[in-house]
C-alpha atoms as a PDB file:
ATOM      1  CA  UNK A   1     113.770 102.838  67.198  1.00  0.00           C
ATOM      2  CA  UNK A   2     111.804  99.818  68.380  1.00  0.00           C
ATOM      3  CA  UNK A   3     112.436  97.952  71.624  1.00  0.00           C
ATOM      4  CA  UNK A   4     111.511  94.278  71.479  1.00  0.00           C
ATOM      5  CA  UNK A   5     111.459  92.361  74.751  1.00  0.00           C
ATOM      6  CA  UNK A   6     111.399  88.592  74.741  1.00  0.00           C
ATOM      7  CA  UNK A   7     111.146  85.999  77.486  1.00  0.00           C
ATOM      8  CA  UNK A   8     109.988  88.502  80.135  1.00  0.00           C
ATOM      9  CA  UNK A   9     109.413  86.685  83.445  1.00  0.00           C
ATOM     10  CA  UNK A  10     107.351  87.613  86.501  1.00  0.00           C
ATOM     11  CA  UNK A  11     110.617  87.896  88.388  1.00  0.00           C
ATOM     12  CA  UNK A  12     111.574  90.771  86.018  1.00  0.00           C
ATOM     13  CA  UNK A  13     108.971  93.026  87.670  1.00  0.00           C
ATOM     14  CA  UNK A  14     110.396  96.429  88.394  1.00  0.00           C
ATOM     15  CA  UNK A  15     111.289  99.787  86.868  1.00  0.00           C
ATOM     16  CA  UNK A  16     114.127 100.226  84.413  1.00  0.00           C
ATOM     17  CA  UNK A  17     115.783 103.287  82.862  1.00  0.00           C
ATOM     18  CA  UNK A  18     116.264 102.798  79.110  1.00  0.00           C
ATOM     19  CA  UNK A  19     118.385 104.853  76.709  1.00  0.00           C
ATOM     20  CA  UNK A  20     118.863 104.563  72.982  1.00  0.00           C
ATOM     21  CA  UNK A  21     122.311 104.983  71.468  1.00  0.00           C
ATOM     22  CA  UNK A  22     122.787 105.540  67.726  1.00  0.00           C
ATOM     23  CA  UNK A  23     126.184 104.067  66.936  1.00  0.00           C
ATOM     24  CA  UNK A  24     125.711 104.335  63.200  1.00  0.00           C
ATOM     25  CA  UNK A  25     126.260 108.081  63.212  1.00  0.00           C
ATOM     26  CA  UNK A  26     129.844 109.062  62.665  1.00  0.00           C
ATOM     27  CA  UNK A  27     132.011 110.570  63.904  1.00  0.00           C
ATOM     28  CA  UNK A  28     130.065 110.566  67.265  1.00  0.00           C
ATOM     29  CA  UNK A  29     127.151 108.452  68.443  1.00  0.00           C
ATOM     30  CA  UNK A  30     124.022 110.065  69.839  1.00  0.00           C
ATOM     31  CA  UNK A  31     122.289 108.947  73.057  1.00  0.00           C
ATOM     32  CA  UNK A  32     118.690 109.690  73.970  1.00  0.00           C
ATOM     33  CA  UNK A  33     117.399 110.880  77.292  1.00  0.00           C
ATOM     34  CA  UNK A  34     116.483 108.038  79.663  1.00  0.00           C
ATOM     35  CA  UNK A  35     112.954 106.689  79.411  1.00  0.00           C
ATOM     36  CA  UNK A  36     111.294 104.626  82.117  1.00  0.00           C
ATOM     37  CA  UNK A  37     110.181 101.075  81.372  1.00  0.00           C
ATOM     38  CA  UNK A  38     107.997  99.406  84.009  1.00  0.00           C
ATOM     39  CA  UNK A  39     107.376  95.671  84.135  1.00  0.00           C
ATOM     40  CA  UNK A  40     104.382  95.266  86.405  1.00  0.00           C
ATOM     41  CA  UNK A  41     104.017  92.518  88.949  1.00  0.00           C
ATOM     42  CA  UNK A  42     101.336  89.932  88.210  1.00  0.00           C
ATOM     43  CA  UNK A  43      97.894  90.791  89.569  1.00  0.00           C
ATOM     44  CA  UNK A  44      96.974  88.638  92.548  1.00  0.00           C
ATOM     45  CA  UNK A  45      93.534  87.905  93.968  1.00  0.00           C
ATOM     46  CA  UNK A  46      92.796  87.272  97.646  1.00  0.00           C
ATOM     47  CA  UNK A  47      89.705  85.686  99.202  1.00  0.00           C
ATOM     48  CA  UNK A  48      88.805  85.438 102.887  1.00  0.00           C
ATOM     49  CA  UNK A  49      86.593  82.935 104.689  1.00  0.00           C
ATOM     50  CA  UNK A  50      85.647  82.534 108.353  1.00  0.00           C
ATOM     51  CA  UNK A  51      84.982  79.239 110.142  1.00  0.00           C
ATOM     52  CA  UNK A  52      81.560  80.599 111.229  1.00  0.00           C
ATOM     53  CA  UNK A  53      79.375  83.650 110.737  1.00  0.00           C
ATOM     54  CA  UNK A  54      78.465  83.578 114.436  1.00  0.00           C
ATOM     55  CA  UNK A  55      80.696  82.517 117.358  1.00  0.00           C
ATOM     56  CA  UNK A  56      80.364  82.423 121.125  1.00  0.00           C
ATOM     57  CA  UNK A  57      82.404  84.968 123.031  1.00  0.00           C
ATOM     58  CA  UNK A  58      85.775  83.401 123.819  1.00  0.00           C
ATOM     59  CA  UNK A  59      85.381  80.575 121.275  1.00  0.00           C
ATOM     60  CA  UNK A  60      87.856  79.965 118.467  1.00  0.00           C
ATOM     61  CA  UNK A  61      87.290  81.697 115.138  1.00  0.00           C
ATOM     62  CA  UNK A  62      89.518  80.698 112.226  1.00  0.00           C
ATOM     63  CA  UNK A  63      90.106  83.074 109.308  1.00  0.00           C
ATOM     64  CA  UNK A  64      91.538  81.623 106.091  1.00  0.00           C
ATOM     65  CA  UNK A  65      92.966  83.855 103.358  1.00  0.00           C
ATOM     66  CA  UNK A  66      93.679  82.257  99.993  1.00  0.00           C
ATOM     67  CA  UNK A  67      95.863  84.091  97.473  1.00  0.00           C
ATOM     68  CA  UNK A  68      95.892  83.299  93.762  1.00  0.00           C
ATOM     69  CA  UNK A  69      98.508  84.562  91.304  1.00  0.00           C
ATOM     70  CA  UNK A  70      98.820  83.816  87.578  1.00  0.00           C
ATOM     71  CA  UNK A  71     102.460  82.728  87.826  1.00  0.00           C
ATOM     72  CA  UNK A  72     101.760  79.863  90.226  1.00  0.00           C
ATOM     73  CA  UNK A  73     101.650  79.632  93.996  1.00  0.00           C
ATOM     74  CA  UNK A  74     102.381  83.075  95.456  1.00  0.00           C
ATOM     75  CA  UNK A  75     104.801  83.775  98.271  1.00  0.00           C
ATOM     76  CA  UNK A  76     104.701  86.479 100.908  1.00  0.00           C
ATOM     77  CA  UNK A  77     102.326  87.151 103.778  1.00  0.00           C
ATOM     78  CA  UNK A  78      98.795  88.228 104.632  1.00  0.00           C
ATOM     79  CA  UNK A  79      97.817  90.873 107.189  1.00  0.00           C
ATOM     80  CA  UNK A  80      94.567  90.156 109.055  1.00  0.00           C
ATOM     81  CA  UNK A  81      92.415  92.990 110.423  1.00  0.00           C
ATOM     82  CA  UNK A  82      89.361  93.226 112.703  1.00  0.00           C
ATOM     83  CA  UNK A  83      87.327  96.415 112.335  1.00  0.00           C
ATOM     84  CA  UNK A  84      90.357  98.047 110.700  1.00  0.00           C
ATOM     85  CA  UNK A  85      92.768  97.097 113.506  1.00  0.00           C
ATOM     86  CA  UNK A  86      95.760  94.913 112.682  1.00  0.00           C
ATOM     87  CA  UNK A  87      95.496  91.457 114.276  1.00  0.00           C
ATOM     88  CA  UNK A  88      98.747  90.091 112.879  1.00  0.00           C
ATOM     89  CA  UNK A  89     100.580  88.946 109.762  1.00  0.00           C
ATOM     90  CA  UNK A  90     100.847  85.310 108.667  1.00  0.00           C
ATOM     91  CA  UNK A  91     103.107  83.899 105.926  1.00  0.00           C
ATOM     92  CA  UNK A  92     101.492  82.024 103.048  1.00  0.00           C
ATOM     93  CA  UNK A  93     101.860  78.253 103.115  1.00  0.00           C
ATOM     94  CA  UNK A  94     102.808  76.089 100.124  1.00  0.00           C
ATOM     95  CA  UNK A  95      99.208  76.175  98.856  1.00  0.00           C
ATOM     96  CA  UNK A  96      98.914  79.988  98.973  1.00  0.00           C
ATOM     97  CA  UNK A  97      96.877  80.083 102.200  1.00  0.00           C
ATOM     98  CA  UNK A  98      97.371  81.975 105.449  1.00  0.00           C
ATOM     99  CA  UNK A  99      95.386  80.857 108.502  1.00  0.00           C
ATOM    100  CA  UNK A 100      94.762  83.012 111.571  1.00  0.00           C
ATOM    101  CA  UNK A 101      92.887  81.809 114.677  1.00  0.00           C
ATOM    102  CA  UNK A 102      91.607  84.146 117.379  1.00  0.00           C
ATOM    103  CA  UNK A 103      89.306  84.061 120.426  1.00  0.00           C
ATOM    104  CA  UNK A 104      87.010  87.094 120.033  1.00  0.00           C
ATOM    105  CA  UNK A 105      85.372  88.357 123.235  1.00  0.00           C
ATOM    106  CA  UNK A 106      83.940  91.744 122.202  1.00  0.00           C
ATOM    107  CA  UNK A 107      80.225  91.212 121.568  1.00  0.00           C
ATOM    108  CA  UNK A 108      78.619  92.441 118.356  1.00  0.00           C
ATOM    109  CA  UNK A 109      79.163  92.142 114.621  1.00  0.00           C
ATOM    110  CA  UNK A 110      82.751  92.636 113.495  1.00  0.00           C
ATOM    111  CA  UNK A 111      84.305  93.054 110.053  1.00  0.00           C
ATOM    112  CA  UNK A 112      87.392  91.004 109.231  1.00  0.00           C
ATOM    113  CA  UNK A 113      89.750  91.694 106.317  1.00  0.00           C
ATOM    114  CA  UNK A 114      92.772  90.034 104.739  1.00  0.00           C
ATOM    115  CA  UNK A 115      95.439  92.040 102.882  1.00  0.00           C
ATOM    116  CA  UNK A 116      98.011  90.163 100.798  1.00  0.00           C
ATOM    117  CA  UNK A 117     101.230  92.150 101.070  1.00  0.00           C
ATOM    118  CA  UNK A 118     102.548  91.137  97.634  1.00  0.00           C
ATOM    119  CA  UNK A 119     105.937  89.757  96.615  1.00  0.00           C
ATOM    120  CA  UNK A 120     108.674  90.535  94.128  1.00  0.00           C
ATOM    121  CA  UNK A 121     106.564  89.002  91.352  1.00  0.00           C
ATOM    122  CA  UNK A 122     102.952  89.409  92.579  1.00  0.00           C
ATOM    123  CA  UNK A 123     101.045  92.610  93.347  1.00  0.00           C
ATOM    124  CA  UNK A 124      99.263  93.168  96.679  1.00  0.00           C
ATOM    125  CA  UNK A 125      95.522  92.495  96.872  1.00  0.00           C
ATOM    126  CA  UNK A 126      92.735  92.820  99.428  1.00  0.00           C
ATOM    127  CA  UNK A 127      89.948  90.313 100.045  1.00  0.00           C
ATOM    128  CA  UNK A 128      86.322  91.346 100.389  1.00  0.00           C
ATOM    129  CA  UNK A 129      85.501  91.776 104.087  1.00  0.00           C
ATOM    130  CA  UNK A 130      83.721  89.069 106.095  1.00  0.00           C
ATOM    131  CA  UNK A 131      81.271  89.865 108.924  1.00  0.00           C
ATOM    132  CA  UNK A 132      81.175  87.675 112.043  1.00  0.00           C
ATOM    133  CA  UNK A 133      78.794  88.110 114.971  1.00  0.00           C
ATOM    134  CA  UNK A 134      80.179  87.439 118.465  1.00  0.00           C
ATOM    135  CA  UNK A 135      77.394  86.417 120.873  1.00  0.00           C
ATOM    136  CA  UNK A 136      77.387  85.831 124.631  1.00  0.00           C
ATOM    137  CA  UNK A 137      78.437  82.394 125.879  1.00  0.00           C
ATOM    138  CA  UNK A 138      75.488  82.490 128.299  1.00  0.00           C
ATOM    139  CA  UNK A 139      71.957  83.779 128.046  1.00  0.00           C
ATOM    140  CA  UNK A 140      69.756  85.226 130.751  1.00  0.00           C
ATOM    141  CA  UNK A 141      66.240  83.904 131.288  1.00  0.00           C
ATOM    142  CA  UNK A 142      64.100  86.060 133.528  1.00  0.00           C
ATOM    143  CA  UNK A 143      60.473  86.241 134.489  1.00  0.00           C
ATOM    144  CA  UNK A 144      58.109  86.174 137.439  1.00  0.00           C
ATOM    145  CA  UNK A 145      56.222  83.431 139.248  1.00  0.00           C
ATOM    146  CA  UNK A 146      54.387  86.181 141.196  1.00  0.00           C
ATOM    147  CA  UNK A 147      55.060  84.103 144.311  1.00  0.00           C
ATOM    148  CA  UNK A 148      58.165  84.406 146.480  1.00  0.00           C
ATOM    149  CA  UNK A 149      60.286  81.390 147.347  1.00  0.00           C
ATOM    150  CA  UNK A 150      59.624  79.312 144.208  1.00  0.00           C
ATOM    151  CA  UNK A 151      62.577  77.267 142.958  1.00  0.00           C
ATOM    152  CA  UNK A 152      62.861  77.943 139.242  1.00  0.00           C
ATOM    153  CA  UNK A 153      64.970  75.478 137.217  1.00  0.00           C
ATOM    154  CA  UNK A 154      66.363  75.419 133.692  1.00  0.00           C
ATOM    155  CA  UNK A 155      68.398  72.290 133.072  1.00  0.00           C
ATOM    156  CA  UNK A 156      71.188  72.122 135.690  1.00  0.00           C
ATOM    157  CA  UNK A 157      70.653  75.751 136.760  1.00  0.00           C
ATOM    158  CA  UNK A 158      68.183  76.856 139.415  1.00  0.00           C
ATOM    159  CA  UNK A 159      67.345  79.879 141.530  1.00  0.00           C
ATOM    160  CA  UNK A 160      64.678  80.887 144.047  1.00  0.00           C
ATOM    161  CA  UNK A 161      62.224  83.629 143.137  1.00  0.00           C
ATOM    162  CA  UNK A 162      62.489  86.853 145.114  1.00  0.00           C
ATOM    163  CA  UNK A 163      59.942  88.713 147.220  1.00  0.00           C
ATOM    164  CA  UNK A 164      57.882  89.780 144.186  1.00  0.00           C
ATOM    165  CA  UNK A 165      58.277  86.408 142.475  1.00  0.00           C
ATOM    166  CA  UNK A 166      60.949  87.590 140.028  1.00  0.00           C
ATOM    167  CA  UNK A 167      63.768  85.302 138.952  1.00  0.00           C
ATOM    168  CA  UNK A 168      66.817  85.392 136.711  1.00  0.00           C
ATOM    169  CA  UNK A 169      68.720  82.350 135.387  1.00  0.00           C
ATOM    170  CA  UNK A 170      71.906  82.101 133.331  1.00  0.00           C
ATOM    171  CA  UNK A 171      71.946  79.221 130.838  1.00  0.00           C
ATOM    172  CA  UNK A 172      74.587  78.208 128.279  1.00  0.00           C
ATOM    173  CA  UNK A 173      74.114  79.670 124.805  1.00  0.00           C
ATOM    174  CA  UNK A 174      72.209  77.173 122.652  1.00  0.00           C
ATOM    175  CA  UNK A 175      70.519  75.541 125.652  1.00  0.00           C
ATOM    176  CA  UNK A 176      67.120  74.032 124.923  1.00  0.00           C
ATOM    177  CA  UNK A 177      64.616  72.790 127.455  1.00  0.00           C
ATOM    178  CA  UNK A 178      61.870  73.895 129.776  1.00  0.00           C
ATOM    179  CA  UNK A 179      61.945  76.378 132.634  1.00  0.00           C
ATOM    180  CA  UNK A 180      60.071  74.765 135.509  1.00  0.00           C
ATOM    181  CA  UNK A 181      58.743  76.345 138.699  1.00  0.00           C
ATOM    182  CA  UNK A 182      57.148  73.698 140.948  1.00  0.00           C
ATOM    183  CA  UNK A 183      55.969  74.598 144.457  1.00  0.00           C
ATOM    184  CA  UNK A 184      53.971  72.352 146.715  1.00  0.00           C
ATOM    185  CA  UNK A 185      50.367  73.420 146.964  1.00  0.00           C
ATOM    186  CA  UNK A 186      50.528  75.583 143.805  1.00  0.00           C
ATOM    187  CA  UNK A 187      49.761  74.919 140.168  1.00  0.00           C
ATOM    188  CA  UNK A 188      51.463  77.094 137.499  1.00  0.00           C
ATOM    189  CA  UNK A 189      50.072  77.687 134.018  1.00  0.00           C
ATOM    190  CA  UNK A 190      51.790  76.966 131.784  1.00  0.00           C
ATOM    191  CA  UNK A 191      53.762  74.340 133.709  1.00  0.00           C
ATOM    192  CA  UNK A 192      56.993  75.258 131.896  1.00  0.00           C
END
């Protein structure tokens, strides 16, 4: 016997039990044992992008997962993970995207993943991971004037050098400028 299937749709995905009955045999018909027929869901593909490869601690990072499926715009949801830990699940929008925004504070390089959970007609898929480095929101500048009591300035931040001339300043990440250490009666080389 031959089984011909026509007009199979993505929505037909699933497993079916099929039997064959021979009604031509008389006086009784014969029925086969059940065989399993599986109509697979369409293969989906998921990609993940991050708004930046490096962010300041506490600053917004936006992850965008885009899911493609051969039958058109997929439905369902995407699970977002950071270093293997579930961050949350977001439903796909009308364009097949799920967007997740977070404020990472743990310093270092972290791996983010997106896992499409699948739907009745589309199979699950996992995006390639994306690495993002979380850096401090401030930087420390330290050094020594070798003279106590010198006011050391970096932009809007200043401090006075200690007994041995050492100083430590906190400046915003990305700050550019000169560190100055003027003191009447002294000349510093270099000046900044």
